Amino acid sequence: LKSFHNTHAGGDHRVLVMENSTNDDTVSFLQQNSINHITNPGMTHGNAVNVAIDRCETPYMLLIDSDVIFKRDTRAVMEQAMQLDVTLAGRIEGDRGGKRIHKRVHPWSCLINTDHLKQHNILFNDEQKIRENDKNDNIYDVGSSMFEQVRSVGLKIAHMNIEGEYFDHWEGLSWYTNKYDSKQGD
């Protein structure tokens, strides 16, 4: 939040934080700093984004993970994508981390036309599709079902690789030390 504020000063931004941790310190920090948030302890990333899209009151939202640090103002790039009337914009990727994953726009930095998704009843994360394909070699990860549905109804998806120049993604931060066990599956 600090890096976004520092690089995007002077803009008319609406920020909505989906707070899914079980750490009371995070909620206290958000409340003390009057940061608009929705608290859903234990909610998955995908379901939290579905709620955020539903609550979004603007035609576009920039979906950003908490471990993204902004280096530059992204407004000009985002405005170009909006002028092209895209539904999704960001870095498109498939297979990752040794796993076969259906294509998606990186879910840690993704411009989303919320109006398009609502008009076509497209979810960011379709839990049923993920469960149905859980045993297959090709995984539906968060954002994969959205990407597939957007493409199937003929809406525009723009590959926009601005990571490194405009922001850095720190890839999980404490998730690795608190939850990741390389001896187990995903």
C-alpha atoms as a PDB file:
ATOM      1  CA  LEU A   1       0.000   0.000   0.000  1.00  0.00           C
ATOM      2  CA  LYS A   2       2.809   2.393   0.837  1.00  0.00           C
ATOM      3  CA  SER A   3       4.584   1.802  -2.476  1.00  0.00           C
ATOM      4  CA  PHE A   4       1.333   2.277  -4.408  1.00  0.00           C
ATOM      5  CA  HIS A   5       0.598   5.508  -2.581  1.00  0.00           C
ATOM      6  CA  ASN A   6       4.146   6.796  -3.080  1.00  0.00           C
ATOM      7  CA  THR A   7       4.235   6.064  -6.832  1.00  0.00           C
ATOM      8  CA  HIS A   8       0.640   7.058  -7.625  1.00  0.00           C
ATOM      9  CA  ALA A   9       0.341  10.277  -5.621  1.00  0.00           C
ATOM     10  CA  GLY A  10      -2.293  12.796  -6.638  1.00  0.00           C
ATOM     11  CA  GLY A  11      -4.650  10.289  -8.223  1.00  0.00           C
ATOM     12  CA  ASP A  12      -8.247   9.512  -7.482  1.00  0.00           C
ATOM     13  CA  HIS A  13      -7.893   5.928  -6.265  1.00  0.00           C
ATOM     14  CA  ARG A  14     -10.259   3.711  -4.422  1.00  0.00           C
ATOM     15  CA  VAL A  15      -8.473   0.987  -2.508  1.00  0.00           C
ATOM     16  CA  LEU A  16     -10.181  -2.133  -1.227  1.00  0.00           C
ATOM     17  CA  VAL A  17      -8.136  -4.630   0.761  1.00  0.00           C
ATOM     18  CA  MET A  18      -9.332  -8.210   1.021  1.00  0.00           C
ATOM     19  CA  GLU A  19      -7.908  -9.228   4.386  1.00  0.00           C
ATOM     20  CA  ASN A  20      -7.820 -13.037   4.580  1.00  0.00           C
ATOM     21  CA  SER A  21      -5.236 -13.696   7.263  1.00  0.00           C
ATOM     22  CA  THR A  22      -5.850 -15.074  10.703  1.00  0.00           C
ATOM     23  CA  ASN A  23      -3.522 -12.459  12.200  1.00  0.00           C
ATOM     24  CA  ASP A  24      -5.340  -9.856  14.307  1.00  0.00           C
ATOM     25  CA  ASP A  25      -2.378  -7.470  13.899  1.00  0.00           C
ATOM     26  CA  THR A  26      -3.221  -7.006  10.213  1.00  0.00           C
ATOM     27  CA  VAL A  27      -6.839  -6.046  10.934  1.00  0.00           C
ATOM     28  CA  SER A  28      -5.705  -3.665  13.678  1.00  0.00           C
ATOM     29  CA  PHE A  29      -3.244  -1.980  11.301  1.00  0.00           C
ATOM     30  CA  LEU A  30      -5.935  -1.541   8.628  1.00  0.00           C
ATOM     31  CA  GLN A  31      -8.408  -0.109  11.137  1.00  0.00           C
ATOM     32  CA  GLN A  32      -5.863   2.235  12.742  1.00  0.00           C
ATOM     33  CA  ASN A  33      -4.973   3.644   9.322  1.00  0.00           C
ATOM     34  CA  SER A  34      -8.600   3.880   8.099  1.00  0.00           C
ATOM     35  CA  ILE A  35      -7.930   1.556   5.160  1.00  0.00           C
ATOM     36  CA  ASN A  36     -11.087   0.256   3.495  1.00  0.00           C
ATOM     37  CA  HIS A  37     -11.068  -3.522   3.842  1.00  0.00           C
ATOM     38  CA  ILE A  38     -13.203  -6.619   3.962  1.00  0.00           C
ATOM     39  CA  THR A  39     -12.205  -9.199   6.549  1.00  0.00           C
ATOM     40  CA  ASN A  40     -12.699 -12.829   5.596  1.00  0.00           C
ATOM     41  CA  PRO A  41     -10.401 -14.939   7.788  1.00  0.00           C
ATOM     42  CA  GLY A  42      -9.218 -18.028   5.990  1.00  0.00           C
ATOM     43  CA  MET A  43     -10.923 -17.223   2.680  1.00  0.00           C
ATOM     44  CA  THR A  44      -8.935 -18.419  -0.311  1.00  0.00           C
ATOM     45  CA  HIS A  45      -7.278 -15.952  -2.664  1.00  0.00           C
ATOM     46  CA  GLY A  46      -9.628 -16.876  -5.516  1.00  0.00           C
ATOM     47  CA  ASN A  47     -12.807 -16.493  -3.510  1.00  0.00           C
ATOM     48  CA  ALA A  48     -11.598 -13.210  -2.024  1.00  0.00           C
ATOM     49  CA  VAL A  49     -11.073 -11.819  -5.534  1.00  0.00           C
ATOM     50  CA  ASN A  50     -14.576 -12.955  -6.531  1.00  0.00           C
ATOM     51  CA  VAL A  51     -15.942 -10.925  -3.586  1.00  0.00           C
ATOM     52  CA  ALA A  52     -13.759  -7.911  -4.516  1.00  0.00           C
ATOM     53  CA  ILE A  53     -15.001  -7.969  -8.129  1.00  0.00           C
ATOM     54  CA  ASP A  54     -18.587  -8.160  -6.928  1.00  0.00           C
ATOM     55  CA  ARG A  55     -18.044  -5.180  -4.594  1.00  0.00           C
ATOM     56  CA  CYS A  56     -16.059  -3.132  -7.102  1.00  0.00           C
ATOM     57  CA  GLU A  57     -17.931   0.035  -8.069  1.00  0.00           C
ATOM     58  CA  THR A  58     -15.635   1.075 -10.922  1.00  0.00           C
ATOM     59  CA  PRO A  59     -15.486  -0.404 -14.437  1.00  0.00           C
ATOM     60  CA  TYR A  60     -11.860  -1.477 -13.927  1.00  0.00           C
ATOM     61  CA  MET A  61      -9.868  -2.762 -11.014  1.00  0.00           C
ATOM     62  CA  LEU A  62      -6.165  -3.384 -10.643  1.00  0.00           C
ATOM     63  CA  LEU A  63      -5.753  -6.635  -8.743  1.00  0.00           C
ATOM     64  CA  ILE A  64      -2.523  -6.520  -6.739  1.00  0.00           C
ATOM     65  CA  ASP A  65      -1.142  -8.964  -4.169  1.00  0.00           C
ATOM     66  CA  SER A  66       0.223  -7.664  -0.887  1.00  0.00           C
ATOM     67  CA  ASP A  67       3.732  -8.731  -1.894  1.00  0.00           C
ATOM     68  CA  VAL A  68       3.893  -6.411  -4.915  1.00  0.00           C
ATOM     69  CA  ILE A  69       6.136  -3.368  -4.482  1.00  0.00           C
ATOM     70  CA  PHE A  70       5.558  -0.534  -6.968  1.00  0.00           C
ATOM     71  CA  LYS A  71       8.567   1.224  -8.500  1.00  0.00           C
ATOM     72  CA  ARG A  72       6.758   3.577 -10.918  1.00  0.00           C
ATOM     73  CA  ASP A  73       3.325   4.980 -11.613  1.00  0.00           C
ATOM     74  CA  THR A  74       1.361   2.492 -13.734  1.00  0.00           C
ATOM     75  CA  ARG A  75      -1.515   4.800 -14.715  1.00  0.00           C
ATOM     76  CA  ALA A  76      -0.382   5.540 -18.289  1.00  0.00           C
ATOM     77  CA  VAL A  77       0.022   1.839 -19.073  1.00  0.00           C
ATOM     78  CA  MET A  78      -3.319   0.956 -17.486  1.00  0.00           C
ATOM     79  CA  GLU A  79      -5.082   3.768 -19.346  1.00  0.00           C
ATOM     80  CA  GLN A  80      -3.774   2.391 -22.668  1.00  0.00           C
ATOM     81  CA  ALA A  81      -5.265  -1.010 -21.848  1.00  0.00           C
ATOM     82  CA  MET A  82      -8.581   0.616 -20.899  1.00  0.00           C
ATOM     83  CA  GLN A  83      -8.667   2.595 -24.166  1.00  0.00           C
ATOM     84  CA  LEU A  84      -8.325  -0.707 -26.028  1.00  0.00           C
ATOM     85  CA  ASP A  85     -11.370  -1.980 -24.099  1.00  0.00           C
ATOM     86  CA  VAL A  86      -9.574  -5.070 -22.832  1.00  0.00           C
ATOM     87  CA  THR A  87     -11.131  -7.339 -20.241  1.00  0.00           C
ATOM     88  CA  LEU A  88      -7.845  -8.621 -18.811  1.00  0.00           C
ATOM     89  CA  ALA A  89      -4.361  -7.145 -19.019  1.00  0.00           C
ATOM     90  CA  GLY A  90      -1.143  -8.371 -17.497  1.00  0.00           C
ATOM     91  CA  ARG A  91       1.527 -10.977 -18.021  1.00  0.00           C
ATOM     92  CA  ILE A  92       0.065 -14.148 -19.520  1.00  0.00           C
ATOM     93  CA  GLU A  93       1.618 -17.350 -18.291  1.00  0.00           C
ATOM     94  CA  GLY A  94       0.836 -21.051 -18.240  1.00  0.00           C
ATOM     95  CA  ASP A  95       3.095 -23.712 -16.816  1.00  0.00           C
ATOM     96  CA  ARG A  96       4.894 -22.628 -13.674  1.00  0.00           C
ATOM     97  CA  GLY A  97       7.005 -24.115 -10.920  1.00  0.00           C
ATOM     98  CA  GLY A  98       7.203 -27.482 -12.642  1.00  0.00           C
ATOM     99  CA  LYS A  99       3.427 -27.765 -12.864  1.00  0.00           C
ATOM    100  CA  ARG A 100       1.236 -27.786 -15.948  1.00  0.00           C
ATOM    101  CA  ILE A 101      -1.173 -24.891 -15.456  1.00  0.00           C
ATOM    102  CA  HIS A 102      -3.872 -23.595 -17.796  1.00  0.00           C
ATOM    103  CA  LYS A 103      -3.046 -20.115 -19.085  1.00  0.00           C
ATOM    104  CA  ARG A 104      -3.901 -17.096 -16.969  1.00  0.00           C
ATOM    105  CA  VAL A 105      -2.906 -13.496 -16.433  1.00  0.00           C
ATOM    106  CA  HIS A 106      -0.658 -13.363 -13.378  1.00  0.00           C
ATOM    107  CA  PRO A 107      -3.094 -13.018 -10.479  1.00  0.00           C
ATOM    108  CA  TRP A 108      -0.712 -10.819  -8.472  1.00  0.00           C
ATOM    109  CA  SER A 109      -0.904  -7.977 -10.998  1.00  0.00           C
ATOM    110  CA  CYS A 110      -3.890  -7.971 -13.291  1.00  0.00           C
ATOM    111  CA  LEU A 111      -6.059  -5.225 -14.752  1.00  0.00           C
ATOM    112  CA  ILE A 112      -9.651  -6.464 -14.843  1.00  0.00           C
ATOM    113  CA  ASN A 113     -12.681  -4.941 -16.558  1.00  0.00           C
ATOM    114  CA  THR A 114     -15.195  -5.697 -13.820  1.00  0.00           C
ATOM    115  CA  ASP A 115     -18.126  -4.563 -15.972  1.00  0.00           C
ATOM    116  CA  HIS A 116     -17.286  -7.200 -18.609  1.00  0.00           C
ATOM    117  CA  LEU A 117     -16.998  -9.955 -16.013  1.00  0.00           C
ATOM    118  CA  LYS A 118     -20.304  -9.012 -14.397  1.00  0.00           C
ATOM    119  CA  GLN A 119     -22.089  -8.778 -17.780  1.00  0.00           C
ATOM    120  CA  HIS A 120     -20.949 -12.296 -18.698  1.00  0.00           C
ATOM    121  CA  ASN A 121     -21.195 -13.833 -15.187  1.00  0.00           C
ATOM    122  CA  ILE A 122     -17.498 -14.721 -15.225  1.00  0.00           C
ATOM    123  CA  LEU A 123     -15.813 -15.550 -11.936  1.00  0.00           C
ATOM    124  CA  PHE A 124     -12.142 -14.934 -11.240  1.00  0.00           C
ATOM    125  CA  ASN A 125     -11.947 -18.310  -9.600  1.00  0.00           C
ATOM    126  CA  ASP A 126     -14.340 -21.148 -10.405  1.00  0.00           C
ATOM    127  CA  GLU A 127     -13.927 -23.565  -7.471  1.00  0.00           C
ATOM    128  CA  GLN A 128     -16.043 -26.234  -9.174  1.00  0.00           C
ATOM    129  CA  LYS A 129     -13.816 -26.226 -12.262  1.00  0.00           C
ATOM    130  CA  ILE A 130     -10.731 -26.463 -10.060  1.00  0.00           C
ATOM    131  CA  ARG A 131     -12.171 -29.445  -8.137  1.00  0.00           C
ATOM    132  CA  GLU A 132     -13.274 -31.209 -11.339  1.00  0.00           C
ATOM    133  CA  ASN A 133      -9.779 -30.930 -12.808  1.00  0.00           C
ATOM    134  CA  ASP A 134      -7.845 -31.437  -9.589  1.00  0.00           C
ATOM    135  CA  LYS A 135      -6.756 -34.929 -10.598  1.00  0.00           C
ATOM    136  CA  ASN A 136      -5.650 -33.988 -14.104  1.00  0.00           C
ATOM    137  CA  ASP A 137      -2.085 -33.157 -15.037  1.00  0.00           C
ATOM    138  CA  ASN A 138      -3.143 -29.711 -16.327  1.00  0.00           C
ATOM    139  CA  ILE A 139      -4.220 -27.583 -13.339  1.00  0.00           C
ATOM    140  CA  TYR A 140      -6.709 -24.728 -13.154  1.00  0.00           C
ATOM    141  CA  ASP A 141      -4.963 -22.300 -10.826  1.00  0.00           C
ATOM    142  CA  VAL A 142      -6.436 -18.989  -9.616  1.00  0.00           C
ATOM    143  CA  GLY A 143      -7.357 -16.906 -12.643  1.00  0.00           C
ATOM    144  CA  SER A 144      -7.167 -19.797 -15.139  1.00  0.00           C
ATOM    145  CA  SER A 145     -10.909 -20.369 -15.380  1.00  0.00           C
ATOM    146  CA  MET A 146     -11.493 -16.606 -15.757  1.00  0.00           C
ATOM    147  CA  PHE A 147      -8.938 -16.428 -18.576  1.00  0.00           C
ATOM    148  CA  GLU A 148     -10.607 -19.352 -20.345  1.00  0.00           C
ATOM    149  CA  GLN A 149     -14.111 -17.902 -20.002  1.00  0.00           C
ATOM    150  CA  VAL A 150     -13.052 -14.414 -21.137  1.00  0.00           C
ATOM    151  CA  ARG A 151     -11.465 -15.936 -24.221  1.00  0.00           C
ATOM    152  CA  SER A 152     -14.470 -18.191 -24.925  1.00  0.00           C
ATOM    153  CA  VAL A 153     -16.901 -15.234 -25.138  1.00  0.00           C
ATOM    154  CA  GLY A 154     -14.550 -13.280 -27.413  1.00  0.00           C
ATOM    155  CA  LEU A 155     -13.437 -10.559 -25.012  1.00  0.00           C
ATOM    156  CA  LYS A 156      -9.961  -9.026 -25.291  1.00  0.00           C
ATOM    157  CA  ILE A 157      -6.945 -10.130 -23.259  1.00  0.00           C
ATOM    158  CA  ALA A 158      -3.728  -8.102 -23.467  1.00  0.00           C
ATOM    159  CA  HIS A 159      -0.286  -9.497 -22.642  1.00  0.00           C
ATOM    160  CA  MET A 160       1.394  -6.703 -20.720  1.00  0.00           C
ATOM    161  CA  ASN A 161       4.691  -7.573 -19.066  1.00  0.00           C
ATOM    162  CA  ILE A 162       5.551  -4.608 -16.839  1.00  0.00           C
ATOM    163  CA  GLU A 163       7.006  -6.554 -13.925  1.00  0.00           C
ATOM    164  CA  GLY A 164      10.527  -5.454 -13.077  1.00  0.00           C
ATOM    165  CA  GLU A 165      10.118  -2.027 -14.652  1.00  0.00           C
ATOM    166  CA  TYR A 166       6.957  -0.848 -12.867  1.00  0.00           C
ATOM    167  CA  PHE A 167       6.807  -3.227  -9.903  1.00  0.00           C
ATOM    168  CA  ASP A 168       8.469  -6.214  -8.265  1.00  0.00           C
ATOM    169  CA  HIS A 169       6.598  -9.272  -7.050  1.00  0.00           C
ATOM    170  CA  TRP A 170       8.238 -10.832  -4.011  1.00  0.00           C
ATOM    171  CA  GLU A 171       6.638 -14.222  -4.632  1.00  0.00           C
ATOM    172  CA  GLY A 172       4.960 -15.225  -1.422  1.00  0.00           C
ATOM    173  CA  LEU A 173       7.129 -13.538   1.212  1.00  0.00           C
ATOM    174  CA  SER A 174       6.231 -15.207   4.526  1.00  0.00           C
ATOM    175  CA  TRP A 175       4.102 -17.842   2.787  1.00  0.00           C
ATOM    176  CA  TYR A 176       7.248 -19.839   2.020  1.00  0.00           C
ATOM    177  CA  THR A 177       8.552 -19.845   5.574  1.00  0.00           C
ATOM    178  CA  ASN A 178       5.181 -20.310   7.253  1.00  0.00           C
ATOM    179  CA  LYS A 179       3.369 -22.790   5.015  1.00  0.00           C
ATOM    180  CA  TYR A 180       5.498 -24.222   2.222  1.00  0.00           C
ATOM    181  CA  ASP A 181       6.738 -27.780   2.640  1.00  0.00           C
ATOM    182  CA  SER A 182       8.743 -29.045  -0.339  1.00  0.00           C
ATOM    183  CA  LYS A 183       8.159 -32.646   0.777  1.00  0.00           C
ATOM    184  CA  GLN A 184       4.441 -32.309   0.121  1.00  0.00           C
ATOM    185  CA  GLY A 185       2.374 -31.482  -2.937  1.00  0.00           C
ATOM    186  CA  ASP A 186       1.193 -28.005  -3.704  1.00  0.00           C
END
